[in-house]
Amino acid sequence: MLTELAKQKVKALICMGKDNKKLIDSFTGIIPIIKDTCSIEDAVLQAYNVSEKGDTVLLSPACASFDLFKNYIHRGELFKQSVRNL
């Protein structure tokens, strides 16, 4: 089950977008750190702040994000640029 795997493997969940309630509600009490953000820059900064050397940060869109980005390429480019800007 996904929740059991998340409990064992996931340190933090950083949600980005307008309506993250269902995702946050689903993982509250399962994942220790949950953050809600409105921009990719803030999401990357939050990930940086909760991560430690050796951690993996994964950009894993849970749904389409046409309200925030032109397309998946644009989303990836902004993610990479935000990481470079740290």
PDB file of N, CA and C in Angstrom:
ATOM      1  N   MET A   1       0.842  -1.181   0.000  1.00  0.00           N
ATOM      2  CA  MET A   1       0.000   0.000   0.000  1.00  0.00           C
ATOM      3  C   MET A   1       0.890   1.249   0.000  1.00  0.00           C
ATOM      4  N   LEU A   2       0.446   2.274  -0.677  1.00  0.00           N
ATOM      5  CA  LEU A   2       1.215   3.509  -0.825  1.00  0.00           C
ATOM      6  C   LEU A   2       1.504   4.174   0.508  1.00  0.00           C
ATOM      7  N   THR A   3       0.537   4.198   1.391  1.00  0.00           N
ATOM      8  CA  THR A   3       0.750   4.877   2.672  1.00  0.00           C
ATOM      9  C   THR A   3       1.829   4.182   3.502  1.00  0.00           C
ATOM     10  N   GLU A   4       1.879   2.877   3.461  1.00  0.00           N
ATOM     11  CA  GLU A   4       2.909   2.145   4.218  1.00  0.00           C
ATOM     12  C   GLU A   4       4.292   2.428   3.645  1.00  0.00           C
ATOM     13  N   LEU A   5       4.416   2.458   2.337  1.00  0.00           N
ATOM     14  CA  LEU A   5       5.688   2.786   1.696  1.00  0.00           C
ATOM     15  C   LEU A   5       6.100   4.220   2.024  1.00  0.00           C
ATOM     16  N   ALA A   6       5.156   5.138   1.975  1.00  0.00           N
ATOM     17  CA  ALA A   6       5.448   6.539   2.308  1.00  0.00           C
ATOM     18  C   ALA A   6       5.913   6.654   3.748  1.00  0.00           C
ATOM     19  N   LYS A   7       5.287   5.925   4.645  1.00  0.00           N
ATOM     20  CA  LYS A   7       5.663   5.965   6.060  1.00  0.00           C
ATOM     21  C   LYS A   7       7.113   5.507   6.254  1.00  0.00           C
ATOM     22  N   GLN A   8       7.539   4.536   5.477  1.00  0.00           N
ATOM     23  CA  GLN A   8       8.886   3.989   5.599  1.00  0.00           C
ATOM     24  C   GLN A   8       9.940   4.812   4.869  1.00  0.00           C
ATOM     25  N   LYS A   9       9.584   5.420   3.744  1.00  0.00           N
ATOM     26  CA  LYS A   9      10.585   5.987   2.841  1.00  0.00           C
ATOM     27  C   LYS A   9      10.570   7.504   2.686  1.00  0.00           C
ATOM     28  N   VAL A  10       9.464   8.162   3.007  1.00  0.00           N
ATOM     29  CA  VAL A  10       9.330   9.584   2.698  1.00  0.00           C
ATOM     30  C   VAL A  10       9.515  10.427   3.953  1.00  0.00           C
ATOM     31  N   LYS A  11      10.444  11.364   3.869  1.00  0.00           N
ATOM     32  CA  LYS A  11      10.757  12.256   4.984  1.00  0.00           C
ATOM     33  C   LYS A  11       9.852  13.489   4.980  1.00  0.00           C
ATOM     34  N   ALA A  12       9.565  14.000   3.800  1.00  0.00           N
ATOM     35  CA  ALA A  12       8.768  15.222   3.689  1.00  0.00           C
ATOM     36  C   ALA A  12       7.961  15.212   2.402  1.00  0.00           C
ATOM     37  N   LEU A  13       6.821  15.856   2.450  1.00  0.00           N
ATOM     38  CA  LEU A  13       5.969  16.055   1.290  1.00  0.00           C
ATOM     39  C   LEU A  13       5.775  17.557   1.153  1.00  0.00           C
ATOM     40  N   ILE A  14       6.176  18.089   0.029  1.00  0.00           N
ATOM     41  CA  ILE A  14       6.030  19.517  -0.221  1.00  0.00           C
ATOM     42  C   ILE A  14       5.061  19.674  -1.380  1.00  0.00           C
ATOM     43  N   CYS A  15       3.892  20.148  -1.063  1.00  0.00           N
ATOM     44  CA  CYS A  15       2.832  20.300  -2.055  1.00  0.00           C
ATOM     45  C   CYS A  15       2.922  21.697  -2.664  1.00  0.00           C
ATOM     46  N   MET A  16       2.645  21.772  -3.944  1.00  0.00           N
ATOM     47  CA  MET A  16       2.683  23.050  -4.628  1.00  0.00           C
ATOM     48  C   MET A  16       1.422  23.190  -5.467  1.00  0.00           C
ATOM     49  N   GLY A  17       0.771  24.306  -5.335  1.00  0.00           N
ATOM     50  CA  GLY A  17      -0.414  24.544  -6.133  1.00  0.00           C
ATOM     51  C   GLY A  17      -1.520  25.191  -5.340  1.00  0.00           C
ATOM     52  N   LYS A  18      -2.705  25.160  -5.912  1.00  0.00           N
ATOM     53  CA  LYS A  18      -3.833  25.878  -5.319  1.00  0.00           C
ATOM     54  C   LYS A  18      -4.666  25.035  -4.358  1.00  0.00           C
ATOM     55  N   ASP A  19      -4.879  23.780  -4.678  1.00  0.00           N
ATOM     56  CA  ASP A  19      -5.763  22.957  -3.849  1.00  0.00           C
ATOM     57  C   ASP A  19      -5.073  21.647  -3.497  1.00  0.00           C
ATOM     58  N   ASN A  20      -4.380  21.644  -2.379  1.00  0.00           N
ATOM     59  CA  ASN A  20      -3.617  20.471  -1.950  1.00  0.00           C
ATOM     60  C   ASN A  20      -4.269  19.745  -0.783  1.00  0.00           C
ATOM     61  N   LYS A  21      -5.479  20.139  -0.421  1.00  0.00           N
ATOM     62  CA  LYS A  21      -6.128  19.599   0.768  1.00  0.00           C
ATOM     63  C   LYS A  21      -6.232  18.073   0.762  1.00  0.00           C
ATOM     64  N   LYS A  22      -6.673  17.489  -0.329  1.00  0.00           N
ATOM     65  CA  LYS A  22      -6.835  16.030  -0.376  1.00  0.00           C
ATOM     66  C   LYS A  22      -5.498  15.319  -0.192  1.00  0.00           C
ATOM     67  N   LEU A  23      -4.468  15.830  -0.842  1.00  0.00           N
ATOM     68  CA  LEU A  23      -3.135  15.230  -0.726  1.00  0.00           C
ATOM     69  C   LEU A  23      -2.605  15.368   0.701  1.00  0.00           C
ATOM     70  N   ILE A  24      -2.737  16.557   1.255  1.00  0.00           N
ATOM     71  CA  ILE A  24      -2.274  16.788   2.631  1.00  0.00           C
ATOM     72  C   ILE A  24      -3.059  15.931   3.611  1.00  0.00           C
ATOM     73  N   ASP A  25      -4.365  15.897   3.474  1.00  0.00           N
ATOM     74  CA  ASP A  25      -5.196  15.072   4.368  1.00  0.00           C
ATOM     75  C   ASP A  25      -4.836  13.590   4.266  1.00  0.00           C
ATOM     76  N   SER A  26      -4.512  13.128   3.063  1.00  0.00           N
ATOM     77  CA  SER A  26      -4.188  11.712   2.858  1.00  0.00           C
ATOM     78  C   SER A  26      -2.894  11.291   3.543  1.00  0.00           C
ATOM     79  N   PHE A  27      -1.948  12.225   3.674  1.00  0.00           N
ATOM     80  CA  PHE A  27      -0.643  11.860   4.218  1.00  0.00           C
ATOM     81  C   PHE A  27      -0.341  12.441   5.596  1.00  0.00           C
ATOM     82  N   THR A  28      -1.265  13.212   6.154  1.00  0.00           N
ATOM     83  CA  THR A  28      -1.080  13.720   7.515  1.00  0.00           C
ATOM     84  C   THR A  28      -1.054  12.541   8.482  1.00  0.00           C
ATOM     85  N   GLY A  29      -0.055  12.524   9.343  1.00  0.00           N
ATOM     86  CA  GLY A  29       0.122  11.424  10.284  1.00  0.00           C
ATOM     87  C   GLY A  29       0.925  10.270   9.709  1.00  0.00           C
ATOM     88  N   ILE A  30       1.230  10.327   8.427  1.00  0.00           N
ATOM     89  CA  ILE A  30       1.999   9.278   7.760  1.00  0.00           C
ATOM     90  C   ILE A  30       3.398   9.793   7.416  1.00  0.00           C
ATOM     91  N   ILE A  31       3.446  10.986   6.837  1.00  0.00           N
ATOM     92  CA  ILE A  31       4.707  11.629   6.492  1.00  0.00           C
ATOM     93  C   ILE A  31       4.962  12.709   7.536  1.00  0.00           C
ATOM     94  N   PRO A  32       6.141  12.710   8.168  1.00  0.00           N
ATOM     95  CA  PRO A  32       6.383  13.618   9.289  1.00  0.00           C
ATOM     96  C   PRO A  32       6.355  15.112   8.961  1.00  0.00           C
ATOM     97  N   ILE A  33       6.824  15.481   7.808  1.00  0.00           N
ATOM     98  CA  ILE A  33       6.886  16.901   7.443  1.00  0.00           C
ATOM     99  C   ILE A  33       6.040  17.113   6.198  1.00  0.00           C
ATOM    100  N   ILE A  34       5.060  17.995   6.302  1.00  0.00           N
ATOM    101  CA  ILE A  34       4.226  18.350   5.152  1.00  0.00           C
ATOM    102  C   ILE A  34       4.194  19.870   5.051  1.00  0.00           C
ATOM    103  N   LYS A  35       4.547  20.370   3.875  1.00  0.00           N
ATOM    104  CA  LYS A  35       4.565  21.808   3.611  1.00  0.00           C
ATOM    105  C   LYS A  35       3.653  22.093   2.426  1.00  0.00           C
ATOM    106  N   ASP A  36       3.036  23.256   2.439  1.00  0.00           N
ATOM    107  CA  ASP A  36       2.158  23.690   1.353  1.00  0.00           C
ATOM    108  C   ASP A  36       2.750  24.963   0.762  1.00  0.00           C
ATOM    109  N   THR A  37       3.004  24.978  -0.531  1.00  0.00           N
ATOM    110  CA  THR A  37       3.619  26.129  -1.177  1.00  0.00           C
ATOM    111  C   THR A  37       2.810  26.531  -2.411  1.00  0.00           C
ATOM    112  N   CYS A  38       3.116  27.719  -2.920  1.00  0.00           N
ATOM    113  CA  CYS A  38       2.388  28.229  -4.082  1.00  0.00           C
ATOM    114  C   CYS A  38       3.282  28.443  -5.292  1.00  0.00           C
ATOM    115  N   SER A  39       4.587  28.204  -5.148  1.00  0.00           N
ATOM    116  CA  SER A  39       5.491  28.421  -6.281  1.00  0.00           C
ATOM    117  C   SER A  39       6.578  27.365  -6.282  1.00  0.00           C
ATOM    118  N   ILE A  40       7.147  27.148  -7.443  1.00  0.00           N
ATOM    119  CA  ILE A  40       8.225  26.157  -7.544  1.00  0.00           C
ATOM    120  C   ILE A  40       9.467  26.633  -6.798  1.00  0.00           C
ATOM    121  N   GLU A  41       9.695  27.942  -6.805  1.00  0.00           N
ATOM    122  CA  GLU A  41      10.848  28.483  -6.076  1.00  0.00           C
ATOM    123  C   GLU A  41      10.723  28.201  -4.586  1.00  0.00           C
ATOM    124  N   ASP A  42       9.532  28.412  -4.035  1.00  0.00           N
ATOM    125  CA  ASP A  42       9.318  28.143  -2.613  1.00  0.00           C
ATOM    126  C   ASP A  42       9.368  26.647  -2.327  1.00  0.00           C
ATOM    127  N   ALA A  43       8.844  25.830  -3.228  1.00  0.00           N
ATOM    128  CA  ALA A  43       8.883  24.376  -3.037  1.00  0.00           C
ATOM    129  C   ALA A  43      10.329  23.881  -2.974  1.00  0.00           C
ATOM    130  N   VAL A  44      11.174  24.379  -3.877  1.00  0.00           N
ATOM    131  CA  VAL A  44      12.591  23.985  -3.874  1.00  0.00           C
ATOM    132  C   VAL A  44      13.263  24.466  -2.597  1.00  0.00           C
ATOM    133  N   LEU A  45      12.978  25.689  -2.170  1.00  0.00           N
ATOM    134  CA  LEU A  45      13.567  26.219  -0.938  1.00  0.00           C
ATOM    135  C   LEU A  45      13.122  25.402   0.271  1.00  0.00           C
ATOM    136  N   GLN A  46      11.830  25.041   0.332  1.00  0.00           N
ATOM    137  CA  GLN A  46      11.343  24.213   1.434  1.00  0.00           C
ATOM    138  C   GLN A  46      12.040  22.846   1.435  1.00  0.00           C
ATOM    139  N   ALA A  47      12.205  22.263   0.250  1.00  0.00           N
ATOM    140  CA  ALA A  47      12.899  20.971   0.153  1.00  0.00           C
ATOM    141  C   ALA A  47      14.340  21.100   0.625  1.00  0.00           C
ATOM    142  N   TYR A  48      14.981  22.172   0.225  1.00  0.00           N
ATOM    143  CA  TYR A  48      16.365  22.425   0.656  1.00  0.00           C
ATOM    144  C   TYR A  48      16.440  22.538   2.181  1.00  0.00           C
ATOM    145  N   ASN A  49      15.484  23.234   2.766  1.00  0.00           N
ATOM    146  CA  ASN A  49      15.494  23.471   4.210  1.00  0.00           C
ATOM    147  C   ASN A  49      15.246  22.214   5.032  1.00  0.00           C
ATOM    148  N   VAL A  50      14.488  21.258   4.509  1.00  0.00           N
ATOM    149  CA  VAL A  50      14.200  20.049   5.285  1.00  0.00           C
ATOM    150  C   VAL A  50      15.131  18.883   4.933  1.00  0.00           C
ATOM    151  N   SER A  51      15.906  19.046   3.868  1.00  0.00           N
ATOM    152  CA  SER A  51      16.778  17.940   3.457  1.00  0.00           C
ATOM    153  C   SER A  51      18.141  18.023   4.134  1.00  0.00           C
ATOM    154  N   GLU A  52      18.812  16.885   4.128  1.00  0.00           N
ATOM    155  CA  GLU A  52      20.163  16.769   4.663  1.00  0.00           C
ATOM    156  C   GLU A  52      21.038  16.151   3.585  1.00  0.00           C
ATOM    157  N   LYS A  53      22.339  16.280   3.743  1.00  0.00           N
ATOM    158  CA  LYS A  53      23.269  15.698   2.788  1.00  0.00           C
ATOM    159  C   LYS A  53      22.944  14.214   2.606  1.00  0.00           C
ATOM    160  N   GLY A  54      22.838  13.808   1.345  1.00  0.00           N
ATOM    161  CA  GLY A  54      22.528  12.414   1.032  1.00  0.00           C
ATOM    162  C   GLY A  54      21.058  12.164   0.739  1.00  0.00           C
ATOM    163  N   ASP A  55      20.180  13.107   1.085  1.00  0.00           N
ATOM    164  CA  ASP A  55      18.756  12.950   0.785  1.00  0.00           C
ATOM    165  C   ASP A  55      18.513  13.130  -0.710  1.00  0.00           C
ATOM    166  N   THR A  56      17.453  12.532  -1.189  1.00  0.00           N
ATOM    167  CA  THR A  56      17.022  12.708  -2.579  1.00  0.00           C
ATOM    168  C   THR A  56      15.777  13.579  -2.591  1.00  0.00           C
ATOM    169  N   VAL A  57      15.801  14.596  -3.447  1.00  0.00           N
ATOM    170  CA  VAL A  57      14.623  15.443  -3.641  1.00  0.00           C
ATOM    171  C   VAL A  57      14.074  15.122  -5.017  1.00  0.00           C
ATOM    172  N   LEU A  58      12.824  14.749  -5.056  1.00  0.00           N
ATOM    173  CA  LEU A  58      12.183  14.309  -6.291  1.00  0.00           C
ATOM    174  C   LEU A  58      11.044  15.248  -6.644  1.00  0.00           C
ATOM    175  N   LEU A  59      11.060  15.776  -7.863  1.00  0.00           N
ATOM    176  CA  LEU A  59       9.917  16.520  -8.384  1.00  0.00           C
ATOM    177  C   LEU A  59       8.961  15.488  -8.956  1.00  0.00           C
ATOM    178  N   SER A  60       7.820  15.331  -8.308  1.00  0.00           N
ATOM    179  CA  SER A  60       6.881  14.300  -8.716  1.00  0.00           C
ATOM    180  C   SER A  60       5.475  14.875  -8.797  1.00  0.00           C
ATOM    181  N   PRO A  61       5.116  15.433  -9.937  1.00  0.00           N
ATOM    182  CA  PRO A  61       3.788  16.019 -10.068  1.00  0.00           C
ATOM    183  C   PRO A  61       2.691  14.976  -9.857  1.00  0.00           C
ATOM    184  N   ALA A  62       1.748  15.319  -9.005  1.00  0.00           N
ATOM    185  CA  ALA A  62       0.642  14.399  -8.727  1.00  0.00           C
ATOM    186  C   ALA A  62      -0.541  14.627  -9.660  1.00  0.00           C
ATOM    187  N   CYS A  63      -0.469  15.704 -10.420  1.00  0.00           N
ATOM    188  CA  CYS A  63      -1.547  16.011 -11.357  1.00  0.00           C
ATOM    189  C   CYS A  63      -1.056  17.037 -12.365  1.00  0.00           C
ATOM    190  N   ALA A  64      -1.874  17.332 -13.344  1.00  0.00           N
ATOM    191  CA  ALA A  64      -1.528  18.361 -14.319  1.00  0.00           C
ATOM    192  C   ALA A  64      -1.397  19.702 -13.612  1.00  0.00           C
ATOM    193  N   SER A  65      -0.532  20.556 -14.122  1.00  0.00           N
ATOM    194  CA  SER A  65      -0.315  21.854 -13.479  1.00  0.00           C
ATOM    195  C   SER A  65      -0.363  22.980 -14.501  1.00  0.00           C
ATOM    196  N   PHE A  66      -1.348  22.913 -15.378  1.00  0.00           N
ATOM    197  CA  PHE A  66      -1.479  23.921 -16.433  1.00  0.00           C
ATOM    198  C   PHE A  66      -1.793  25.302 -15.861  1.00  0.00           C
ATOM    199  N   ASP A  67      -2.311  25.354 -14.632  1.00  0.00           N
ATOM    200  CA  ASP A  67      -2.587  26.639 -14.015  1.00  0.00           C
ATOM    201  C   ASP A  67      -1.302  27.330 -13.547  1.00  0.00           C
ATOM    202  N   LEU A  68      -0.200  26.585 -13.475  1.00  0.00           N
ATOM    203  CA  LEU A  68       1.062  27.139 -12.991  1.00  0.00           C
ATOM    204  C   LEU A  68       2.151  27.206 -14.064  1.00  0.00           C
ATOM    205  N   PHE A  69       2.094  26.312 -15.060  1.00  0.00           N
ATOM    206  CA  PHE A  69       3.157  26.199 -16.053  1.00  0.00           C
ATOM    207  C   PHE A  69       2.572  26.035 -17.452  1.00  0.00           C
ATOM    208  N   LYS A  70       3.363  26.382 -18.447  1.00  0.00           N
ATOM    209  CA  LYS A  70       2.929  26.226 -19.836  1.00  0.00           C
ATOM    210  C   LYS A  70       2.763  24.752 -20.193  1.00  0.00           C
ATOM    211  N   ASN A  71       3.711  23.927 -19.712  1.00  0.00           N
ATOM    212  CA  ASN A  71       3.708  22.490 -19.991  1.00  0.00           C
ATOM    213  C   ASN A  71       4.744  21.821 -19.093  1.00  0.00           C
ATOM    214  N   TYR A  72       4.906  20.513 -19.238  1.00  0.00           N
ATOM    215  CA  TYR A  72       5.837  19.783 -18.376  1.00  0.00           C
ATOM    216  C   TYR A  72       7.284  20.207 -18.598  1.00  0.00           C
ATOM    217  N   ILE A  73       7.627  20.639 -19.795  1.00  0.00           N
ATOM    218  CA  ILE A  73       8.998  21.098 -20.071  1.00  0.00           C
ATOM    219  C   ILE A  73       9.264  22.383 -19.305  1.00  0.00           C
ATOM    220  N   HIS A  74       8.338  23.304 -19.353  1.00  0.00           N
ATOM    221  CA  HIS A  74       8.456  24.566 -18.623  1.00  0.00           C
ATOM    222  C   HIS A  74       8.593  24.298 -17.127  1.00  0.00           C
ATOM    223  N   ARG A  75       7.767  23.382 -16.599  1.00  0.00           N
ATOM    224  CA  ARG A  75       7.828  23.017 -15.177  1.00  0.00           C
ATOM    225  C   ARG A  75       9.206  22.487 -14.822  1.00  0.00           C
ATOM    226  N   GLY A  76       9.746  21.587 -15.634  1.00  0.00           N
ATOM    227  CA  GLY A  76      11.076  21.023 -15.375  1.00  0.00           C
ATOM    228  C   GLY A  76      12.177  22.065 -15.455  1.00  0.00           C
ATOM    229  N   GLU A  77      12.081  22.959 -16.425  1.00  0.00           N
ATOM    230  CA  GLU A  77      13.088  24.013 -16.555  1.00  0.00           C
ATOM    231  C   GLU A  77      13.090  24.925 -15.327  1.00  0.00           C
ATOM    232  N   LEU A  78      11.906  25.296 -14.857  1.00  0.00           N
ATOM    233  CA  LEU A  78      11.827  26.152 -13.668  1.00  0.00           C
ATOM    234  C   LEU A  78      12.333  25.428 -12.425  1.00  0.00           C
ATOM    235  N   PHE A  79      12.069  24.123 -12.332  1.00  0.00           N
ATOM    236  CA  PHE A  79      12.579  23.338 -11.210  1.00  0.00           C
ATOM    237  C   PHE A  79      14.110  23.349 -11.225  1.00  0.00           C
ATOM    238  N   LYS A  80      14.696  23.053 -12.369  1.00  0.00           N
ATOM    239  CA  LYS A  80      16.160  23.027 -12.464  1.00  0.00           C
ATOM    240  C   LYS A  80      16.759  24.403 -12.173  1.00  0.00           C
ATOM    241  N   GLN A  81      16.131  25.464 -12.674  1.00  0.00           N
ATOM    242  CA  GLN A  81      16.641  26.808 -12.438  1.00  0.00           C
ATOM    243  C   GLN A  81      16.536  27.174 -10.949  1.00  0.00           C
ATOM    244  N   SER A  82      15.465  26.770 -10.311  1.00  0.00           N
ATOM    245  CA  SER A  82      15.309  27.046  -8.873  1.00  0.00           C
ATOM    246  C   SER A  82      16.369  26.329  -8.051  1.00  0.00           C
ATOM    247  N   VAL A  83      16.700  25.118  -8.444  1.00  0.00           N
ATOM    248  CA  VAL A  83      17.754  24.371  -7.740  1.00  0.00           C
ATOM    249  C   VAL A  83      19.101  25.069  -7.957  1.00  0.00           C
ATOM    250  N   ARG A  84      19.375  25.482  -9.180  1.00  0.00           N
ATOM    251  CA  ARG A  84      20.633  26.187  -9.451  1.00  0.00           C
ATOM    252  C   ARG A  84      20.743  27.494  -8.679  1.00  0.00           C
ATOM    253  N   ASN A  85      19.626  28.141  -8.421  1.00  0.00           N
ATOM    254  CA  ASN A  85      19.625  29.437  -7.730  1.00  0.00           C
ATOM    255  C   ASN A  85      19.847  29.331  -6.228  1.00  0.00           C
ATOM    256  N   LEU A  86      19.832  28.120  -5.684  1.00  0.00           N
ATOM    257  CA  LEU A  86      20.011  27.976  -4.223  1.00  0.00           C
ATOM    258  C   LEU A  86      21.357  28.508  -3.780  1.00  0.00           C
TER     259      LEU A  86
END
